[in-house]
């Protein structure tokens, strides 16, 4: 297939290129246009009129969640909503048959009691999740309008997939897991052991597998959660990190109230541990991936949560070794 990937030079885009380039012809659309192995050409946003005909569009480009909360709300809506509208309108007018949009689990719920499924009534909190749900709503409304219009014959063969991944990780990732690794790998004790939580992570390898399945199989349009099969606690994650670097896990169970206050102080002083990071590291956030697995005809994802996290942590170790 001929596939267009927006945000092709980002973390997920780069992994998708490596995974898909052996079977598909890939074009990119991004704010930067360096040459990239596996990508025929990366176009700028001003060159959309020059894009070649493709069979599928994977829309990754967007404004990531700013954990320091320093970004203006308008920036999220301009990129995550406005840019998605532009790309989806292009898709509807093009000959492409499949559209894959990377939303976020935060578009569905900021906090989860129990297990998150696709039929939840969305209740995002903050401009990141709110801008993503607005993009989802636009896709759903435009597709319904097109499907019921006089141009049904032109659009009925088109399919769309809205993916809602939980925290994505993998080799090359520079998010909160890297921060956690930098703390724990130095032998420092983990002070958040008193927080009893479970959360779903998403290996980028499982994302690549699912995206290729959506490209090559006949799957019904709709919203799909993305995540690894088994949720893990932060304490289990600490143990995985320590095992990867050959250290014994030092987990301190400092009272929750005391750590919550410490995070507030960290926020005031702009320290690494602030209320937002504390919540991301200790919250319960379990998401079901049963719908996407059933759609792809599989019983389990190819990479387990532990295996994927071990590979991610190993990549941090490799980077540290190469920097010495």
C-alpha atoms as a PDB file:
ATOM      1  CA  UNK A   1       0.000   0.000   0.000  1.00  0.00           C
ATOM      2  CA  UNK A   2       0.957   3.643  -0.385  1.00  0.00           C
ATOM      3  CA  UNK A   3       0.749   5.166   3.103  1.00  0.00           C
ATOM      4  CA  UNK A   4       0.985   8.792   4.233  1.00  0.00           C
ATOM      5  CA  UNK A   5       2.107   9.374   7.827  1.00  0.00           C
ATOM      6  CA  UNK A   6       1.765  12.826   9.373  1.00  0.00           C
ATOM      7  CA  UNK A   7       4.250  13.552  12.128  1.00  0.00           C
ATOM      8  CA  UNK A   8       6.453  10.916  10.547  1.00  0.00           C
ATOM      9  CA  UNK A   9       9.629  12.081  12.311  1.00  0.00           C
ATOM     10  CA  UNK A  10       8.216  11.752  15.821  1.00  0.00           C
ATOM     11  CA  UNK A  11       8.653   8.833  18.206  1.00  0.00           C
ATOM     12  CA  UNK A  12       5.650   6.772  17.054  1.00  0.00           C
ATOM     13  CA  UNK A  13       6.078   7.822  13.419  1.00  0.00           C
ATOM     14  CA  UNK A  14       9.706   6.694  13.336  1.00  0.00           C
ATOM     15  CA  UNK A  15       8.777   3.312  14.816  1.00  0.00           C
ATOM     16  CA  UNK A  16       5.930   2.880  12.325  1.00  0.00           C
ATOM     17  CA  UNK A  17       8.275   3.595   9.427  1.00  0.00           C
ATOM     18  CA  UNK A  18      10.682   0.890  10.595  1.00  0.00           C
ATOM     19  CA  UNK A  19       7.824  -1.586  11.025  1.00  0.00           C
ATOM     20  CA  UNK A  20       5.953  -0.843   7.788  1.00  0.00           C
ATOM     21  CA  UNK A  21       8.676   0.019   5.290  1.00  0.00           C
ATOM     22  CA  UNK A  22       9.256  -3.582   4.245  1.00  0.00           C
ATOM     23  CA  UNK A  23       5.687  -4.026   3.007  1.00  0.00           C
ATOM     24  CA  UNK A  24       4.460  -0.529   2.185  1.00  0.00           C
ATOM     25  CA  UNK A  25       5.539   2.614   0.329  1.00  0.00           C
ATOM     26  CA  UNK A  26       5.636   5.440   2.853  1.00  0.00           C
ATOM     27  CA  UNK A  27       5.350   9.202   2.435  1.00  0.00           C
ATOM     28  CA  UNK A  28       5.627  11.725   5.236  1.00  0.00           C
ATOM     29  CA  UNK A  29       3.978  15.020   6.155  1.00  0.00           C
ATOM     30  CA  UNK A  30       5.724  17.014   8.889  1.00  0.00           C
ATOM     31  CA  UNK A  31       7.052  20.392   9.996  1.00  0.00           C
ATOM     32  CA  UNK A  32      10.589  19.175   9.226  1.00  0.00           C
ATOM     33  CA  UNK A  33      11.699  17.339   6.092  1.00  0.00           C
ATOM     34  CA  UNK A  34      15.002  15.516   6.643  1.00  0.00           C
ATOM     35  CA  UNK A  35      15.662  12.385   4.632  1.00  0.00           C
ATOM     36  CA  UNK A  36      14.567   9.233   6.416  1.00  0.00           C
ATOM     37  CA  UNK A  37      15.269   5.633   5.506  1.00  0.00           C
ATOM     38  CA  UNK A  38      12.027   4.012   4.439  1.00  0.00           C
ATOM     39  CA  UNK A  39      10.282   7.293   3.540  1.00  0.00           C
ATOM     40  CA  UNK A  40      10.141   8.201  -0.151  1.00  0.00           C
ATOM     41  CA  UNK A  41       9.691  11.885   0.639  1.00  0.00           C
ATOM     42  CA  UNK A  42       8.521  14.036   3.519  1.00  0.00           C
ATOM     43  CA  UNK A  43       6.292  16.940   2.455  1.00  0.00           C
ATOM     44  CA  UNK A  44       5.752  20.170   4.373  1.00  0.00           C
ATOM     45  CA  UNK A  45       2.268  21.305   5.376  1.00  0.00           C
ATOM     46  CA  UNK A  46       2.469  23.957   2.655  1.00  0.00           C
ATOM     47  CA  UNK A  47       2.938  21.182   0.075  1.00  0.00           C
ATOM     48  CA  UNK A  48      -0.303  19.261   0.710  1.00  0.00           C
ATOM     49  CA  UNK A  49      -1.450  20.035  -2.857  1.00  0.00           C
ATOM     50  CA  UNK A  50       1.588  18.089  -4.092  1.00  0.00           C
ATOM     51  CA  UNK A  51       0.911  14.908  -2.118  1.00  0.00           C
ATOM     52  CA  UNK A  52       0.744  11.709  -4.186  1.00  0.00           C
ATOM     53  CA  UNK A  53      -2.285   9.437  -4.225  1.00  0.00           C
ATOM     54  CA  UNK A  54      -2.173   7.083  -1.251  1.00  0.00           C
ATOM     55  CA  UNK A  55      -4.254   4.176   0.012  1.00  0.00           C
ATOM     56  CA  UNK A  56      -4.179   5.136   3.671  1.00  0.00           C
ATOM     57  CA  UNK A  57      -3.411   8.083   5.944  1.00  0.00           C
ATOM     58  CA  UNK A  58      -2.038   7.707   9.478  1.00  0.00           C
ATOM     59  CA  UNK A  59      -2.481  10.987  11.341  1.00  0.00           C
ATOM     60  CA  UNK A  60       0.022  11.274  14.191  1.00  0.00           C
ATOM     61  CA  UNK A  61       0.872  14.969  14.077  1.00  0.00           C
ATOM     62  CA  UNK A  62      -0.350  16.776  17.151  1.00  0.00           C
ATOM     63  CA  UNK A  63       0.571  18.718  20.253  1.00  0.00           C
ATOM     64  CA  UNK A  64       1.663  16.386  23.041  1.00  0.00           C
ATOM     65  CA  UNK A  65       0.502  16.746  26.618  1.00  0.00           C
ATOM     66  CA  UNK A  66       2.566  19.364  28.457  1.00  0.00           C
ATOM     67  CA  UNK A  67       3.004  17.980  31.973  1.00  0.00           C
ATOM     68  CA  UNK A  68       4.258  21.384  33.158  1.00  0.00           C
ATOM     69  CA  UNK A  69       0.950  22.956  32.049  1.00  0.00           C
ATOM     70  CA  UNK A  70       2.726  25.877  30.407  1.00  0.00           C
ATOM     71  CA  UNK A  71       1.015  25.639  27.010  1.00  0.00           C
ATOM     72  CA  UNK A  72      -1.950  27.834  26.143  1.00  0.00           C
ATOM     73  CA  UNK A  73      -5.225  26.025  25.495  1.00  0.00           C
ATOM     74  CA  UNK A  74      -5.463  27.626  22.050  1.00  0.00           C
ATOM     75  CA  UNK A  75      -2.319  25.815  20.960  1.00  0.00           C
ATOM     76  CA  UNK A  76      -3.876  22.417  21.654  1.00  0.00           C
ATOM     77  CA  UNK A  77      -7.070  23.184  19.768  1.00  0.00           C
ATOM     78  CA  UNK A  78      -5.236  24.749  16.829  1.00  0.00           C
ATOM     79  CA  UNK A  79      -3.121  21.633  16.325  1.00  0.00           C
ATOM     80  CA  UNK A  80      -4.979  18.650  17.774  1.00  0.00           C
ATOM     81  CA  UNK A  81      -8.396  19.740  16.547  1.00  0.00           C
ATOM     82  CA  UNK A  82      -7.802  22.149  13.663  1.00  0.00           C
ATOM     83  CA  UNK A  83      -5.033  20.192  11.991  1.00  0.00           C
ATOM     84  CA  UNK A  84      -6.974  16.943  12.304  1.00  0.00           C
ATOM     85  CA  UNK A  85      -9.972  18.569  10.636  1.00  0.00           C
ATOM     86  CA  UNK A  86      -7.752  19.678   7.762  1.00  0.00           C
ATOM     87  CA  UNK A  87      -6.176  16.252   7.288  1.00  0.00           C
ATOM     88  CA  UNK A  88      -9.511  14.404   7.551  1.00  0.00           C
ATOM     89  CA  UNK A  89     -11.130  16.708   4.994  1.00  0.00           C
ATOM     90  CA  UNK A  90      -8.198  15.949   2.697  1.00  0.00           C
ATOM     91  CA  UNK A  91      -8.779  12.229   3.270  1.00  0.00           C
ATOM     92  CA  UNK A  92     -12.468  12.463   2.370  1.00  0.00           C
ATOM     93  CA  UNK A  93     -11.673  14.303  -0.849  1.00  0.00           C
ATOM     94  CA  UNK A  94      -8.838  11.936  -1.796  1.00  0.00           C
ATOM     95  CA  UNK A  95      -8.772   8.413  -3.131  1.00  0.00           C
ATOM     96  CA  UNK A  96      -7.450   7.027   0.152  1.00  0.00           C
ATOM     97  CA  UNK A  97      -9.568   4.280   1.707  1.00  0.00           C
ATOM     98  CA  UNK A  98      -8.348   4.158   5.311  1.00  0.00           C
ATOM     99  CA  UNK A  99      -7.752   6.871   7.900  1.00  0.00           C
ATOM    100  CA  UNK A 100      -6.083   6.131  11.255  1.00  0.00           C
ATOM    101  CA  UNK A 101      -6.178   8.918  13.834  1.00  0.00           C
ATOM    102  CA  UNK A 102      -4.090   8.780  16.991  1.00  0.00           C
ATOM    103  CA  UNK A 103      -6.176  10.262  19.759  1.00  0.00           C
ATOM    104  CA  UNK A 104      -5.510   9.484  23.429  1.00  0.00           C
ATOM    105  CA  UNK A 105      -7.097   7.638  26.319  1.00  0.00           C
ATOM    106  CA  UNK A 106      -7.282  11.055  28.002  1.00  0.00           C
ATOM    107  CA  UNK A 107      -9.910  12.053  25.429  1.00  0.00           C
ATOM    108  CA  UNK A 108     -12.202   9.483  27.018  1.00  0.00           C
ATOM    109  CA  UNK A 109     -11.434   9.940  30.708  1.00  0.00           C
ATOM    110  CA  UNK A 110      -8.954  11.818  32.830  1.00  0.00           C
ATOM    111  CA  UNK A 111      -9.391   9.323  35.661  1.00  0.00           C
ATOM    112  CA  UNK A 112     -10.657   5.738  35.570  1.00  0.00           C
ATOM    113  CA  UNK A 113     -12.637   3.799  38.156  1.00  0.00           C
ATOM    114  CA  UNK A 114     -12.633   0.157  37.093  1.00  0.00           C
ATOM    115  CA  UNK A 115     -11.764  -0.554  33.455  1.00  0.00           C
ATOM    116  CA  UNK A 116     -12.003   1.935  30.592  1.00  0.00           C
ATOM    117  CA  UNK A 117     -13.916   0.715  27.520  1.00  0.00           C
ATOM    118  CA  UNK A 118     -14.837   2.364  24.250  1.00  0.00           C
ATOM    119  CA  UNK A 119     -18.494   2.873  25.203  1.00  0.00           C
ATOM    120  CA  UNK A 120     -17.664   5.303  28.037  1.00  0.00           C
ATOM    121  CA  UNK A 121     -19.224   8.757  27.780  1.00  0.00           C
ATOM    122  CA  UNK A 122     -16.159  10.959  27.156  1.00  0.00           C
ATOM    123  CA  UNK A 123     -15.242  13.308  30.000  1.00  0.00           C
ATOM    124  CA  UNK A 124     -11.796  14.766  29.281  1.00  0.00           C
ATOM    125  CA  UNK A 125     -10.234  17.286  31.644  1.00  0.00           C
ATOM    126  CA  UNK A 126      -7.930  19.980  30.330  1.00  0.00           C
ATOM    127  CA  UNK A 127      -7.148  21.253  26.821  1.00  0.00           C
ATOM    128  CA  UNK A 128      -5.107  18.217  25.745  1.00  0.00           C
ATOM    129  CA  UNK A 129      -7.911  15.681  26.148  1.00  0.00           C
ATOM    130  CA  UNK A 130     -10.595  18.209  25.206  1.00  0.00           C
ATOM    131  CA  UNK A 131      -8.869  19.098  21.922  1.00  0.00           C
ATOM    132  CA  UNK A 132      -8.515  15.415  21.061  1.00  0.00           C
ATOM    133  CA  UNK A 133     -12.186  14.621  21.740  1.00  0.00           C
ATOM    134  CA  UNK A 134     -13.201  17.562  19.553  1.00  0.00           C
ATOM    135  CA  UNK A 135     -11.115  16.040  16.766  1.00  0.00           C
ATOM    136  CA  UNK A 136     -12.810  12.672  17.320  1.00  0.00           C
ATOM    137  CA  UNK A 137     -16.242  14.286  17.198  1.00  0.00           C
ATOM    138  CA  UNK A 138     -15.375  16.015  13.943  1.00  0.00           C
ATOM    139  CA  UNK A 139     -14.298  12.762  12.324  1.00  0.00           C
ATOM    140  CA  UNK A 140     -17.448  10.986  13.452  1.00  0.00           C
ATOM    141  CA  UNK A 141     -19.750  13.800  12.310  1.00  0.00           C
ATOM    142  CA  UNK A 142     -18.058  14.325   8.928  1.00  0.00           C
ATOM    143  CA  UNK A 143     -18.015  10.615   8.184  1.00  0.00           C
ATOM    144  CA  UNK A 144     -21.691  10.307   9.047  1.00  0.00           C
ATOM    145  CA  UNK A 145     -22.526  13.332   6.887  1.00  0.00           C
ATOM    146  CA  UNK A 146     -20.598  11.961   3.932  1.00  0.00           C
ATOM    147  CA  UNK A 147     -21.999   8.478   4.348  1.00  0.00           C
ATOM    148  CA  UNK A 148     -25.592   9.741   4.276  1.00  0.00           C
ATOM    149  CA  UNK A 149     -25.097  12.207   1.443  1.00  0.00           C
ATOM    150  CA  UNK A 150     -25.695  11.834  -2.254  1.00  0.00           C
ATOM    151  CA  UNK A 151     -22.013  10.924  -2.664  1.00  0.00           C
ATOM    152  CA  UNK A 152     -22.487   7.633  -0.814  1.00  0.00           C
ATOM    153  CA  UNK A 153     -21.044   5.684  -3.721  1.00  0.00           C
ATOM    154  CA  UNK A 154     -17.789   7.577  -3.395  1.00  0.00           C
ATOM    155  CA  UNK A 155     -17.363   7.324   0.352  1.00  0.00           C
ATOM    156  CA  UNK A 156     -18.891   4.019   1.435  1.00  0.00           C
ATOM    157  CA  UNK A 157     -15.622   2.192   0.845  1.00  0.00           C
ATOM    158  CA  UNK A 158     -13.725   4.469   3.216  1.00  0.00           C
ATOM    159  CA  UNK A 159     -12.897   3.388   6.756  1.00  0.00           C
ATOM    160  CA  UNK A 160     -11.683   5.339   9.770  1.00  0.00           C
ATOM    161  CA  UNK A 161     -10.067   4.215  13.011  1.00  0.00           C
ATOM    162  CA  UNK A 162      -9.710   6.373  16.109  1.00  0.00           C
ATOM    163  CA  UNK A 163      -7.060   4.917  18.419  1.00  0.00           C
ATOM    164  CA  UNK A 164      -6.954   5.822  22.107  1.00  0.00           C
ATOM    165  CA  UNK A 165      -3.583   4.640  23.464  1.00  0.00           C
ATOM    166  CA  UNK A 166      -2.548   4.815  27.103  1.00  0.00           C
ATOM    167  CA  UNK A 167       1.027   5.864  27.940  1.00  0.00           C
ATOM    168  CA  UNK A 168       3.144   4.846  24.940  1.00  0.00           C
ATOM    169  CA  UNK A 169       6.657   3.561  25.538  1.00  0.00           C
ATOM    170  CA  UNK A 170       9.447   1.957  23.568  1.00  0.00           C
ATOM    171  CA  UNK A 171      13.093   2.399  22.551  1.00  0.00           C
ATOM    172  CA  UNK A 172      13.756   6.079  21.921  1.00  0.00           C
ATOM    173  CA  UNK A 173      10.938   7.286  24.169  1.00  0.00           C
ATOM    174  CA  UNK A 174      11.816  10.388  26.215  1.00  0.00           C
ATOM    175  CA  UNK A 175       8.739  10.750  28.403  1.00  0.00           C
ATOM    176  CA  UNK A 176       8.005  10.144  32.065  1.00  0.00           C
ATOM    177  CA  UNK A 177       9.481   6.628  31.980  1.00  0.00           C
ATOM    178  CA  UNK A 178      12.874   8.101  31.166  1.00  0.00           C
ATOM    179  CA  UNK A 179      12.567  10.455  34.131  1.00  0.00           C
ATOM    180  CA  UNK A 180      11.647   7.527  36.349  1.00  0.00           C
ATOM    181  CA  UNK A 181      14.608   5.528  35.040  1.00  0.00           C
ATOM    182  CA  UNK A 182      17.022   8.397  35.740  1.00  0.00           C
ATOM    183  CA  UNK A 183      15.904   8.473  39.365  1.00  0.00           C
ATOM    184  CA  UNK A 184      15.769   4.743  40.078  1.00  0.00           C
ATOM    185  CA  UNK A 185      18.900   3.711  38.141  1.00  0.00           C
ATOM    186  CA  UNK A 186      21.031   5.912  40.393  1.00  0.00           C
ATOM    187  CA  UNK A 187      20.158   3.686  43.323  1.00  0.00           C
ATOM    188  CA  UNK A 188      17.880   6.273  44.881  1.00  0.00           C
ATOM    189  CA  UNK A 189      14.955   4.867  46.843  1.00  0.00           C
ATOM    190  CA  UNK A 190      11.479   5.048  45.336  1.00  0.00           C
ATOM    191  CA  UNK A 191       9.364   7.007  47.841  1.00  0.00           C
ATOM    192  CA  UNK A 192       5.919   6.311  46.340  1.00  0.00           C
ATOM    193  CA  UNK A 193       5.546   2.695  47.410  1.00  0.00           C
ATOM    194  CA  UNK A 194       2.481   3.498  49.523  1.00  0.00           C
ATOM    195  CA  UNK A 195       0.467   4.297  46.412  1.00  0.00           C
ATOM    196  CA  UNK A 196      -1.436   1.138  45.441  1.00  0.00           C
ATOM    197  CA  UNK A 197      -2.251   1.526  41.767  1.00  0.00           C
ATOM    198  CA  UNK A 198      -2.683  -0.349  38.494  1.00  0.00           C
ATOM    199  CA  UNK A 199      -2.292   1.160  35.072  1.00  0.00           C
ATOM    200  CA  UNK A 200      -2.183   0.196  31.418  1.00  0.00           C
ATOM    201  CA  UNK A 201       0.877   0.946  29.319  1.00  0.00           C
ATOM    202  CA  UNK A 202       1.177   0.710  25.538  1.00  0.00           C
ATOM    203  CA  UNK A 203       4.239  -0.759  23.847  1.00  0.00           C
ATOM    204  CA  UNK A 204       5.028   0.989  20.568  1.00  0.00           C
ATOM    205  CA  UNK A 205       5.616  -2.480  19.101  1.00  0.00           C
ATOM    206  CA  UNK A 206       1.997  -3.399  19.831  1.00  0.00           C
ATOM    207  CA  UNK A 207       0.902  -0.137  18.243  1.00  0.00           C
ATOM    208  CA  UNK A 208       2.845  -0.943  15.088  1.00  0.00           C
ATOM    209  CA  UNK A 209       1.327  -4.430  14.969  1.00  0.00           C
ATOM    210  CA  UNK A 210      -2.205  -3.066  15.381  1.00  0.00           C
ATOM    211  CA  UNK A 211      -1.747  -0.332  12.777  1.00  0.00           C
ATOM    212  CA  UNK A 212      -0.453  -2.823  10.221  1.00  0.00           C
ATOM    213  CA  UNK A 213      -3.462  -5.012  10.987  1.00  0.00           C
ATOM    214  CA  UNK A 214      -5.842  -2.114  10.387  1.00  0.00           C
ATOM    215  CA  UNK A 215      -4.101  -1.359   7.092  1.00  0.00           C
ATOM    216  CA  UNK A 216      -4.150  -4.908   5.761  1.00  0.00           C
ATOM    217  CA  UNK A 217      -7.356  -6.404   7.202  1.00  0.00           C
ATOM    218  CA  UNK A 218     -11.014  -5.572   6.795  1.00  0.00           C
ATOM    219  CA  UNK A 219     -11.879  -4.003  10.145  1.00  0.00           C
ATOM    220  CA  UNK A 220     -15.022  -2.078  11.004  1.00  0.00           C
ATOM    221  CA  UNK A 221     -14.658   1.678  11.410  1.00  0.00           C
ATOM    222  CA  UNK A 222     -14.796   3.024  14.936  1.00  0.00           C
ATOM    223  CA  UNK A 223     -13.020   3.877  18.166  1.00  0.00           C
ATOM    224  CA  UNK A 224     -10.470   1.441  19.593  1.00  0.00           C
ATOM    225  CA  UNK A 225      -8.543   1.546  22.851  1.00  0.00           C
ATOM    226  CA  UNK A 226      -4.854   0.704  22.567  1.00  0.00           C
ATOM    227  CA  UNK A 227      -2.871  -0.852  25.385  1.00  0.00           C
ATOM    228  CA  UNK A 228      -0.835  -3.832  26.491  1.00  0.00           C
ATOM    229  CA  UNK A 229      -2.704  -6.866  27.774  1.00  0.00           C
ATOM    230  CA  UNK A 230      -1.878  -6.653  31.479  1.00  0.00           C
ATOM    231  CA  UNK A 231      -1.848  -3.561  33.726  1.00  0.00           C
ATOM    232  CA  UNK A 232       1.081  -3.065  36.096  1.00  0.00           C
ATOM    233  CA  UNK A 233       1.608  -1.116  39.292  1.00  0.00           C
ATOM    234  CA  UNK A 234       4.249   1.578  39.580  1.00  0.00           C
ATOM    235  CA  UNK A 235       6.023  -0.578  42.170  1.00  0.00           C
ATOM    236  CA  UNK A 236       6.207  -3.404  39.614  1.00  0.00           C
ATOM    237  CA  UNK A 237       7.612  -0.918  37.120  1.00  0.00           C
ATOM    238  CA  UNK A 238      10.297   0.083  39.631  1.00  0.00           C
ATOM    239  CA  UNK A 239      11.215  -3.580  40.058  1.00  0.00           C
ATOM    240  CA  UNK A 240      11.513  -3.990  36.280  1.00  0.00           C
ATOM    241  CA  UNK A 241      13.817  -0.959  36.066  1.00  0.00           C
ATOM    242  CA  UNK A 242      16.007  -2.170  38.935  1.00  0.00           C
ATOM    243  CA  UNK A 243      16.225  -5.659  37.470  1.00  0.00           C
ATOM    244  CA  UNK A 244      17.286  -4.198  34.112  1.00  0.00           C
ATOM    245  CA  UNK A 245      20.158  -2.234  35.668  1.00  0.00           C
ATOM    246  CA  UNK A 246      21.188  -4.955  38.105  1.00  0.00           C
ATOM    247  CA  UNK A 247      20.119  -3.165  41.255  1.00  0.00           C
ATOM    248  CA  UNK A 248      17.911  -4.203  44.155  1.00  0.00           C
ATOM    249  CA  UNK A 249      14.622  -2.335  44.273  1.00  0.00           C
ATOM    250  CA  UNK A 250      14.478   0.135  47.157  1.00  0.00           C
ATOM    251  CA  UNK A 251      10.817   0.992  47.614  1.00  0.00           C
ATOM    252  CA  UNK A 252       9.867   3.272  50.493  1.00  0.00           C
ATOM    253  CA  UNK A 253       6.259   3.460  51.622  1.00  0.00           C
ATOM    254  CA  UNK A 254       6.128   7.067  52.774  1.00  0.00           C
ATOM    255  CA  UNK A 255       2.587   8.152  53.734  1.00  0.00           C
ATOM    256  CA  UNK A 256       0.508   9.259  50.773  1.00  0.00           C
ATOM    257  CA  UNK A 257      -0.424  12.582  52.354  1.00  0.00           C
ATOM    258  CA  UNK A 258       3.197  13.518  52.932  1.00  0.00           C
ATOM    259  CA  UNK A 259       4.201  12.727  49.347  1.00  0.00           C
ATOM    260  CA  UNK A 260       1.213  14.642  47.988  1.00  0.00           C
ATOM    261  CA  UNK A 261       2.308  17.713  49.924  1.00  0.00           C
ATOM    262  CA  UNK A 262       5.890  17.240  48.697  1.00  0.00           C
ATOM    263  CA  UNK A 263       4.668  17.181  45.105  1.00  0.00           C
ATOM    264  CA  UNK A 264       2.807  20.454  45.648  1.00  0.00           C
ATOM    265  CA  UNK A 265       6.020  22.024  46.915  1.00  0.00           C
ATOM    266  CA  UNK A 266       7.800  20.585  43.870  1.00  0.00           C
ATOM    267  CA  UNK A 267       5.257  22.291  41.641  1.00  0.00           C
ATOM    268  CA  UNK A 268       5.851  25.642  43.303  1.00  0.00           C
ATOM    269  CA  UNK A 269       9.624  25.264  42.990  1.00  0.00           C
ATOM    270  CA  UNK A 270       9.489  23.760  39.471  1.00  0.00           C
ATOM    271  CA  UNK A 271      11.101  20.516  40.621  1.00  0.00           C
ATOM    272  CA  UNK A 272      10.843  17.212  38.655  1.00  0.00           C
ATOM    273  CA  UNK A 273       8.173  15.834  41.014  1.00  0.00           C
ATOM    274  CA  UNK A 274       5.087  18.009  40.728  1.00  0.00           C
ATOM    275  CA  UNK A 275       1.373  17.207  41.235  1.00  0.00           C
ATOM    276  CA  UNK A 276       0.840  16.270  37.576  1.00  0.00           C
ATOM    277  CA  UNK A 277       3.791  13.886  37.470  1.00  0.00           C
ATOM    278  CA  UNK A 278       2.793  12.394  40.809  1.00  0.00           C
ATOM    279  CA  UNK A 279      -0.673  11.674  39.451  1.00  0.00           C
ATOM    280  CA  UNK A 280       0.656  10.143  36.235  1.00  0.00           C
ATOM    281  CA  UNK A 281       3.008   7.900  38.182  1.00  0.00           C
ATOM    282  CA  UNK A 282       0.542   6.725  40.816  1.00  0.00           C
ATOM    283  CA  UNK A 283      -2.970   6.910  39.346  1.00  0.00           C
ATOM    284  CA  UNK A 284      -5.194   3.941  38.551  1.00  0.00           C
ATOM    285  CA  UNK A 285      -5.776   3.874  34.821  1.00  0.00           C
ATOM    286  CA  UNK A 286      -6.736   0.485  33.400  1.00  0.00           C
ATOM    287  CA  UNK A 287      -7.927   0.328  29.798  1.00  0.00           C
ATOM    288  CA  UNK A 288      -9.409  -2.664  27.978  1.00  0.00           C
ATOM    289  CA  UNK A 289      -7.912  -3.673  24.618  1.00  0.00           C
ATOM    290  CA  UNK A 290     -10.420  -6.468  23.991  1.00  0.00           C
ATOM    291  CA  UNK A 291     -12.182  -4.646  21.139  1.00  0.00           C
ATOM    292  CA  UNK A 292      -9.046  -4.110  19.030  1.00  0.00           C
ATOM    293  CA  UNK A 293      -7.875  -7.688  19.651  1.00  0.00           C
ATOM    294  CA  UNK A 294     -11.240  -9.094  18.592  1.00  0.00           C
ATOM    295  CA  UNK A 295     -11.233  -6.900  15.489  1.00  0.00           C
ATOM    296  CA  UNK A 296      -7.755  -8.134  14.512  1.00  0.00           C
ATOM    297  CA  UNK A 297      -8.601 -11.754  15.315  1.00  0.00           C
ATOM    298  CA  UNK A 298      -5.979 -12.265  18.026  1.00  0.00           C
ATOM    299  CA  UNK A 299      -6.139 -13.548  21.599  1.00  0.00           C
ATOM    300  CA  UNK A 300      -3.238 -11.451  22.914  1.00  0.00           C
ATOM    301  CA  UNK A 301      -0.910  -8.692  21.812  1.00  0.00           C
ATOM    302  CA  UNK A 302       2.460  -9.856  20.442  1.00  0.00           C
ATOM    303  CA  UNK A 303       4.460  -8.089  23.176  1.00  0.00           C
ATOM    304  CA  UNK A 304       3.595  -8.444  26.868  1.00  0.00           C
ATOM    305  CA  UNK A 305       3.627  -5.394  29.135  1.00  0.00           C
ATOM    306  CA  UNK A 306       6.691  -6.632  31.003  1.00  0.00           C
ATOM    307  CA  UNK A 307       8.594  -7.556  27.853  1.00  0.00           C
ATOM    308  CA  UNK A 308       7.858  -4.210  26.233  1.00  0.00           C
ATOM    309  CA  UNK A 309       8.876  -2.255  29.314  1.00  0.00           C
ATOM    310  CA  UNK A 310      12.075  -4.275  29.661  1.00  0.00           C
ATOM    311  CA  UNK A 311      12.992  -3.341  26.076  1.00  0.00           C
ATOM    312  CA  UNK A 312      12.226   0.309  26.760  1.00  0.00           C
ATOM    313  CA  UNK A 313      14.359   0.356  29.916  1.00  0.00           C
ATOM    314  CA  UNK A 314      17.164  -1.484  28.113  1.00  0.00           C
ATOM    315  CA  UNK A 315      17.215   1.294  25.498  1.00  0.00           C
ATOM    316  CA  UNK A 316      17.745   3.879  28.264  1.00  0.00           C
ATOM    317  CA  UNK A 317      20.676   1.819  29.532  1.00  0.00           C
ATOM    318  CA  UNK A 318      22.169   1.650  26.041  1.00  0.00           C
ATOM    319  CA  UNK A 319      21.925   5.434  25.672  1.00  0.00           C
ATOM    320  CA  UNK A 320      23.619   6.039  29.019  1.00  0.00           C
ATOM    321  CA  UNK A 321      26.417   3.608  28.097  1.00  0.00           C
ATOM    322  CA  UNK A 322      27.029   5.304  24.706  1.00  0.00           C
ATOM    323  CA  UNK A 323      27.225   8.725  26.385  1.00  0.00           C
ATOM    324  CA  UNK A 324      30.104   7.712  28.662  1.00  0.00           C
END
